[in-house]
Protein backbone atom coordinates (compact mmCIF):
# COMPACT_ATOMS: atom_id res chain seq x y z
CA MET A 1 35.52 -20.60 35.94
CA SER A 2 34.28 -18.19 38.26
CA GLU A 3 36.00 -16.81 41.26
CA LYS A 4 36.94 -19.36 44.20
CA ILE A 5 35.66 -18.59 47.77
CA ILE A 6 37.11 -21.22 49.69
CA GLU A 7 39.54 -24.15 49.14
CA LEU A 8 40.28 -26.84 51.50
CA GLN A 9 43.55 -28.63 50.90
CA ASN A 10 44.43 -31.70 52.74
CA LEU A 11 42.29 -30.85 55.73
CA SER A 12 42.42 -33.19 58.54
CA THR A 13 40.57 -33.35 61.78
CA SER A 14 41.32 -35.37 64.94
CA PHE A 15 40.06 -35.37 68.44
CA ARG A 16 41.56 -36.07 71.62
CA THR A 17 40.27 -39.38 73.47
CA GLU A 18 40.94 -41.61 76.20
CA ARG A 19 42.52 -44.22 73.47
CA GLY A 20 44.57 -41.10 71.78
CA LEU A 21 44.18 -39.04 68.71
CA LEU A 22 41.00 -40.47 66.39
CA LYS A 23 41.14 -39.01 63.00
CA ALA A 24 37.32 -38.06 61.87
CA ILE A 25 38.48 -36.33 58.78
CA ASP A 26 41.62 -37.19 56.81
CA GLY A 27 43.12 -35.37 53.73
CA VAL A 28 40.09 -33.66 52.35
CA SER A 29 40.27 -31.43 49.52
CA PHE A 30 37.86 -29.53 47.67
CA ASP A 31 37.12 -25.92 46.81
CA VAL A 32 33.78 -24.01 46.20
CA HIS A 33 33.25 -21.06 43.96
CA LYS A 34 31.19 -17.88 43.58
CA GLY A 35 27.64 -18.89 42.53
CA GLU A 36 28.22 -22.43 43.09
CA ILE A 37 26.29 -25.09 45.06
CA LEU A 38 28.62 -28.07 46.02
CA GLY A 39 26.69 -31.04 47.64
CA VAL A 40 28.63 -33.13 50.12
CA VAL A 41 26.94 -36.54 50.66
CA GLY A 42 27.66 -39.99 52.41
CA GLU A 43 26.17 -41.99 55.16
CA SER A 44 25.92 -40.72 58.85
CA GLY A 45 29.56 -40.83 60.36
CA CYS A 46 31.37 -40.17 57.04
CA GLY A 47 32.48 -36.94 58.01
CA LYS A 48 30.31 -34.38 56.28
CA SER A 49 29.40 -32.36 59.42
CA VAL A 50 32.99 -32.37 60.63
CA THR A 51 34.23 -31.17 57.90
CA SER A 52 31.61 -27.97 57.62
CA GLN A 53 32.31 -27.44 61.59
CA THR A 54 36.01 -27.45 61.08
CA ILE A 55 35.75 -24.82 58.29
CA LEU A 56 34.46 -22.76 60.96
CA ARG A 57 36.44 -23.87 63.70
CA LEU A 58 33.86 -24.77 65.98
CA TYR A 59 35.42 -27.47 68.15
CA ASP A 60 37.47 -26.75 71.20
CA GLU A 61 40.86 -26.03 69.95
CA LYS A 62 42.60 -26.40 73.31
CA TYR A 63 41.23 -29.64 74.63
CA THR A 64 39.29 -31.52 72.04
CA ALA A 65 40.21 -30.93 68.22
CA VAL A 66 43.46 -30.88 66.25
CA TYR A 67 43.15 -29.56 62.83
CA GLU A 68 45.90 -30.10 59.89
CA GLY A 69 46.02 -28.93 56.24
CA LYS A 70 44.66 -25.68 55.25
CA VAL A 71 41.40 -23.66 54.79
CA LEU A 72 41.99 -20.55 52.41
CA LEU A 73 39.10 -18.30 52.64
CA GLU A 74 39.40 -16.10 49.22
CA GLY A 75 43.38 -16.89 49.88
CA GLU A 76 43.68 -16.55 53.35
CA ASP A 77 44.48 -19.42 55.42
CA ILE A 78 41.85 -19.30 58.41
CA LEU A 79 43.44 -22.31 60.73
CA GLN A 80 46.25 -19.84 61.04
CA ILE A 81 44.53 -16.97 62.20
CA PRO A 82 44.04 -15.80 66.14
CA TYR A 83 41.23 -17.96 67.06
CA LYS A 84 39.22 -14.79 68.41
CA LYS A 85 39.21 -13.44 64.80
CA MET A 86 37.12 -16.01 63.66
CA GLN A 87 34.17 -14.10 65.37
CA ASP A 88 34.82 -11.45 62.53
CA ILE A 89 34.51 -14.35 59.89
CA ARG A 90 31.50 -16.49 61.22
CA GLY A 91 28.38 -14.62 60.01
CA ARG A 92 29.86 -12.11 58.07
CA ARG A 93 31.83 -14.10 55.41
CA ILE A 94 31.09 -17.58 56.12
CA SER A 95 27.47 -18.63 57.93
CA MET A 96 25.80 -21.85 58.62
CA VAL A 97 22.29 -23.32 58.62
CA PHE A 98 22.12 -26.13 61.29
CA GLN A 99 19.93 -29.12 61.08
CA ASP A 100 17.27 -28.66 64.00
CA ALA A 101 16.50 -24.96 63.94
CA LEU A 102 14.47 -25.51 67.16
CA SER A 103 17.43 -26.04 69.10
CA SER A 104 19.40 -23.77 67.24
CA LEU A 105 17.40 -20.65 68.07
CA ASN A 106 17.42 -19.16 71.66
CA PRO A 107 13.70 -19.80 72.98
CA VAL A 108 13.64 -16.66 75.47
CA PHE A 109 14.47 -14.20 72.81
CA THR A 110 11.98 -13.07 69.77
CA VAL A 111 13.21 -14.34 66.29
CA GLY A 112 13.52 -10.34 65.39
CA TYR A 113 16.10 -10.10 68.55
CA GLN A 114 18.27 -12.81 67.41
CA ILE A 115 18.20 -11.51 63.60
CA ARG A 116 19.36 -7.96 64.79
CA GLU A 117 21.99 -9.47 67.24
CA ALA A 118 23.53 -11.28 64.27
CA ILE A 119 23.52 -7.93 62.29
CA ARG A 120 24.93 -5.82 65.36
CA ILE A 121 27.75 -7.95 65.97
CA HIS A 122 29.27 -7.18 62.44
CA GLN A 123 27.75 -4.08 61.54
CA LYS A 124 27.91 -0.68 63.01
CA VAL A 125 24.11 0.17 63.07
CA SER A 126 21.44 1.40 65.23
CA LYS A 127 18.70 -0.72 66.76
CA LYS A 128 16.24 0.52 64.70
CA GLN A 129 18.15 0.01 61.50
CA ALA A 130 18.84 -3.49 62.69
CA ASN A 131 15.23 -3.99 62.94
CA LYS A 132 14.24 -2.62 59.63
CA MET A 133 17.10 -5.28 57.98
CA ALA A 134 15.51 -7.77 60.24
CA ILE A 135 12.01 -7.36 58.75
CA GLU A 136 13.51 -7.05 55.29
CA MET A 137 15.43 -10.55 55.75
CA LEU A 138 12.39 -12.11 57.11
CA SER A 139 10.78 -10.91 53.85
CA LEU A 140 13.62 -12.19 51.89
CA VAL A 141 13.00 -15.55 53.15
CA GLY A 142 9.46 -15.50 52.06
CA ILE A 143 8.15 -15.45 55.71
CA PRO A 144 4.78 -13.40 55.54
CA ALA A 145 3.67 -10.59 57.53
CA PRO A 146 7.39 -9.89 58.80
CA GLU A 147 6.57 -6.73 60.80
CA ARG A 148 4.39 -9.24 63.12
CA ARG A 149 6.41 -12.26 62.94
CA VAL A 150 9.74 -10.29 63.99
CA LYS A 151 8.14 -9.88 67.59
CA GLN A 152 7.28 -13.76 68.00
CA TYR A 153 9.07 -16.44 69.74
CA PRO A 154 10.50 -19.59 67.97
CA HIS A 155 8.01 -21.73 69.81
CA GLU A 156 5.22 -19.44 67.86
CA LEU A 157 6.30 -20.33 64.44
CA SER A 158 5.85 -23.73 62.51
CA GLY A 159 8.90 -25.76 61.63
CA GLY A 160 9.40 -24.54 58.06
CA MET A 161 9.04 -20.76 59.30
CA ARG A 162 11.84 -21.28 61.81
CA GLN A 163 14.17 -22.79 59.51
CA ARG A 164 13.55 -19.79 57.27
CA VAL A 165 14.49 -17.72 60.17
CA MET A 166 17.74 -19.64 60.80
CA ILE A 167 18.40 -18.99 56.92
CA ALA A 168 17.39 -15.54 57.66
CA ILE A 169 20.08 -14.93 60.60
CA SER A 170 22.80 -16.84 58.44
CA LEU A 171 22.08 -14.41 55.59
CA ALA A 172 21.56 -11.14 57.26
CA CYS A 173 25.29 -10.02 56.85
CA LYS A 174 25.34 -11.36 53.08
CA PRO A 175 28.19 -13.68 53.65
CA ARG A 176 30.23 -15.21 50.83
CA LEU A 177 29.82 -18.70 51.67
CA LEU A 178 26.75 -20.45 52.90
CA ILE A 179 27.18 -23.77 54.70
CA ALA A 180 23.62 -25.72 54.96
CA ASP A 181 24.27 -28.94 57.29
CA GLU A 182 20.92 -31.01 56.52
CA PRO A 183 18.87 -27.97 56.51
CA THR A 184 15.47 -29.83 55.72
CA THR A 185 15.91 -32.46 58.63
CA ALA A 186 12.64 -33.33 60.33
CA LEU A 187 10.35 -31.15 57.92
CA ASP A 188 7.39 -32.39 56.01
CA VAL A 189 8.07 -33.33 52.24
CA THR A 190 6.33 -29.91 50.92
CA ILE A 191 8.24 -27.56 53.40
CA GLN A 192 11.47 -29.30 52.45
CA ALA A 193 11.01 -28.47 48.79
CA GLN A 194 10.09 -25.03 49.58
CA ILE A 195 13.43 -24.54 52.02
CA MET A 196 15.50 -26.16 49.01
CA ASP A 197 13.79 -23.91 46.54
CA LEU A 198 14.62 -20.96 48.63
CA ILE A 199 18.34 -21.66 49.24
CA VAL A 200 18.70 -22.01 45.21
CA GLN A 201 17.14 -18.69 44.97
CA LEU A 202 19.25 -16.87 47.43
CA ASN A 203 22.22 -18.59 46.19
CA GLN A 204 21.43 -16.99 42.37
CA GLN A 205 20.26 -13.73 43.66
CA LEU A 206 23.13 -13.20 46.50
CA ASP A 207 25.94 -14.80 44.19
CA MET A 208 27.11 -16.65 47.06
CA GLY A 209 28.50 -19.88 47.22
CA VAL A 210 26.85 -23.13 49.05
CA ILE A 211 28.16 -26.17 50.61
CA LEU A 212 25.13 -28.35 50.79
CA ILE A 213 25.39 -31.45 53.40
CA THR A 214 22.53 -34.04 52.65
CA HIS A 215 21.51 -37.66 52.68
CA ASP A 216 19.05 -37.01 49.92
CA LEU A 217 20.33 -37.53 46.56
CA GLY A 218 17.30 -36.49 44.71
CA VAL A 219 17.99 -32.88 46.37
CA VAL A 220 21.46 -33.00 45.32
CA ALA A 221 20.08 -33.95 41.76
CA GLU A 222 17.87 -31.17 41.38
CA THR A 223 20.21 -28.20 43.19
CA CYS A 224 23.86 -28.87 43.09
CA SER A 225 26.28 -28.37 40.06
CA ARG A 226 29.33 -30.44 41.70
CA VAL A 227 29.19 -33.44 44.38
CA VAL A 228 31.66 -34.61 47.00
CA VAL A 229 30.96 -38.21 48.19
CA MET A 230 32.48 -39.08 51.40
CA TYR A 231 33.18 -42.21 53.38
CA LEU A 232 34.75 -42.68 56.71
CA GLY A 233 36.64 -39.51 56.30
CA GLN A 234 37.86 -39.38 52.94
CA ILE A 235 36.50 -38.03 49.65
CA VAL A 236 36.11 -41.06 47.70
CA GLU A 237 34.59 -39.58 44.37
CA GLU A 238 34.21 -35.73 43.41
CA ALA A 239 32.46 -34.99 39.98
CA ASN A 240 29.70 -32.85 38.21
CA VAL A 241 26.26 -33.81 39.41
CA GLU A 242 25.88 -35.53 35.92
CA ASP A 243 28.82 -37.53 36.02
CA ILE A 244 27.97 -38.80 39.54
CA PHE A 245 24.52 -40.15 38.43
CA ASP A 246 25.26 -41.14 34.72
CA ASN A 247 28.65 -42.38 35.24
CA PRO A 248 29.58 -43.18 39.10
CA LYS A 249 33.25 -44.51 39.36
CA HIS A 250 33.14 -45.83 42.77
CA PRO A 251 31.65 -48.72 44.16
CA TYR A 252 29.98 -46.77 47.33
CA THR A 253 28.73 -43.94 45.08
CA LEU A 254 26.91 -46.63 42.97
CA GLY A 255 25.70 -47.99 46.25
CA LEU A 256 24.25 -44.69 47.43
CA ILE A 257 22.61 -44.37 44.07
CA GLN A 258 21.06 -47.78 44.16
CA SER A 259 19.86 -47.23 47.74
CA ILE A 260 17.26 -44.82 46.24
CA PRO A 261 13.56 -46.05 46.45
CA ARG A 262 12.07 -46.04 43.10
CA LEU A 263 8.23 -45.97 42.07
CA GLU A 264 8.80 -47.83 38.74
CA GLY A 265 10.08 -51.28 38.33
CA ASP A 266 9.04 -54.52 40.10
CA ARG A 267 7.25 -53.55 43.54
CA ASN A 268 8.25 -56.98 45.05
CA LYS A 269 11.81 -56.24 44.48
CA GLU A 270 13.79 -56.12 47.75
CA LEU A 271 15.29 -52.31 48.24
CA TYR A 272 18.90 -52.23 47.52
CA THR A 273 21.21 -51.76 50.56
CA ILE A 274 24.72 -51.38 50.89
CA LYS A 275 26.03 -54.51 53.28
CA GLY A 276 27.64 -53.84 56.73
CA THR A 277 28.05 -50.44 58.61
CA VAL A 278 30.51 -47.62 58.35
CA PRO A 279 33.27 -48.71 61.27
CA LEU A 280 34.00 -46.71 64.19
CA LEU A 281 36.96 -44.08 64.14
CA SER A 282 38.84 -46.62 66.30
CA GLN A 283 38.33 -49.54 64.16
CA ILE A 284 39.32 -47.85 60.70
CA PRO A 285 40.59 -50.87 58.45
CA THR A 286 43.90 -50.94 56.68
CA GLY A 287 43.67 -50.43 52.99
CA CYS A 288 40.65 -48.88 51.19
CA ARG A 289 38.44 -48.08 53.88
CA PHE A 290 35.01 -49.15 51.97
CA ALA A 291 36.87 -52.75 51.12
CA LYS A 292 34.99 -54.61 53.59
CA ARG A 293 31.50 -53.80 52.05
CA CYS A 294 32.61 -53.64 48.70
CA PRO A 295 31.48 -56.22 46.35
CA TYR A 296 34.50 -55.71 44.03
CA ALA A 297 37.32 -55.68 46.67
CA LYS A 298 40.32 -58.01 46.00
CA GLU A 299 43.30 -58.73 48.23
CA ARG A 300 45.06 -55.72 47.15
CA CYS A 301 42.19 -53.36 48.40
CA ASN A 302 42.36 -54.79 52.18
CA THR A 303 46.24 -54.24 52.39
CA GLN A 304 46.80 -50.86 50.33
CA MET A 305 44.95 -47.49 50.40
CA PRO A 306 44.14 -46.00 46.98
CA ASP A 307 44.91 -42.31 46.12
CA LEU A 308 42.13 -39.98 44.91
CA ILE A 309 43.01 -39.59 41.03
CA PRO A 310 41.74 -37.60 38.40
CA VAL A 311 39.89 -39.84 35.59
CA SER A 312 38.79 -36.55 33.44
CA GLU A 313 38.67 -32.88 34.23
CA THR A 314 35.82 -33.03 35.96
CA GLN A 315 35.97 -36.20 37.99
CA LYS A 316 38.07 -37.99 40.69
CA VAL A 317 37.87 -41.34 42.03
CA ARG A 318 39.70 -43.35 45.04
CA CYS A 319 39.36 -47.08 43.66
CA PHE A 320 42.12 -49.45 42.55
CA ARG A 321 39.25 -51.05 40.30
CA TYR A 322 39.23 -47.88 38.00
CA LEU A 323 42.82 -47.85 37.87
CA GLU A 324 43.30 -51.67 37.07
CA GLY A 325 40.56 -51.17 34.13
CA GLY A 326 37.61 -52.69 35.68
CA GLY A 327 34.32 -51.35 35.79
CA ILE A 328 31.24 -51.21 38.07
CA ARG A 329 27.62 -51.46 37.03
CA TYR A 330 24.22 -50.96 38.33
CA ALA A 331 22.54 -54.31 40.08
């Protein structure tokens, strides 16, 4: 196994509200190795983005968020370092690509300025050197005529180019870990494929770790080596990508896979959906959090919380049905 870049140990994030603390992620543990792409999947509200933003400590820790557990970056617990030192880590050792490039880029500065700013925060280089590096980064992410584009503003670029600029900013200081949070949101299918191909290419070229947060299981199948499935703030299954699709153990994972539209088969057959919706954080049920929506749930599931247990060297699942020897099957 290659070098471990980051490890989350029993990580939890709670938010202060008028109703008290609401726990958005609860006991999340996983790791990412050098050169690996880890997929994190689940419905909206499952805790994917909160997990990624907790890693970077982006929430207001004085008034809003409370963290528990550990985030070990190459062995150092970055939840315990002084908050001001996180600026040295963000962008230099860990970078993040957000969903909406247009809202993430500053409209009043050129893209070249914004890349140079990211470089000069972490590296002692002149403005001229930073500009040269900015042009090189635009070229690296596949933007044509980078010498001209570096002088343009975000609104002068297409959606796909803006997202490439965001990736260029994120990689300007060659981080050890890239977090890509729904990096192809609002892009057309062709551009989505180009952006994902670019992330895979840079992952191999720079030998960095990648956490890919997405709803798109097709993208996961094409790009990731391992997958973490989250539901209502917890990991319900973790496995190699082949095991997730060929032999899912958790009913929620199976439901996500069955929800993927297929071209073959009966066109009149109704698209499979997981019944119900993700509960609010203020209404987290007792017992298994998926029990109310699970077709296999029994009385025990409504009162007891299953642990995340290993079922093989590469797969873990949080489900009583597996423990009791029962299986799940495609509908």
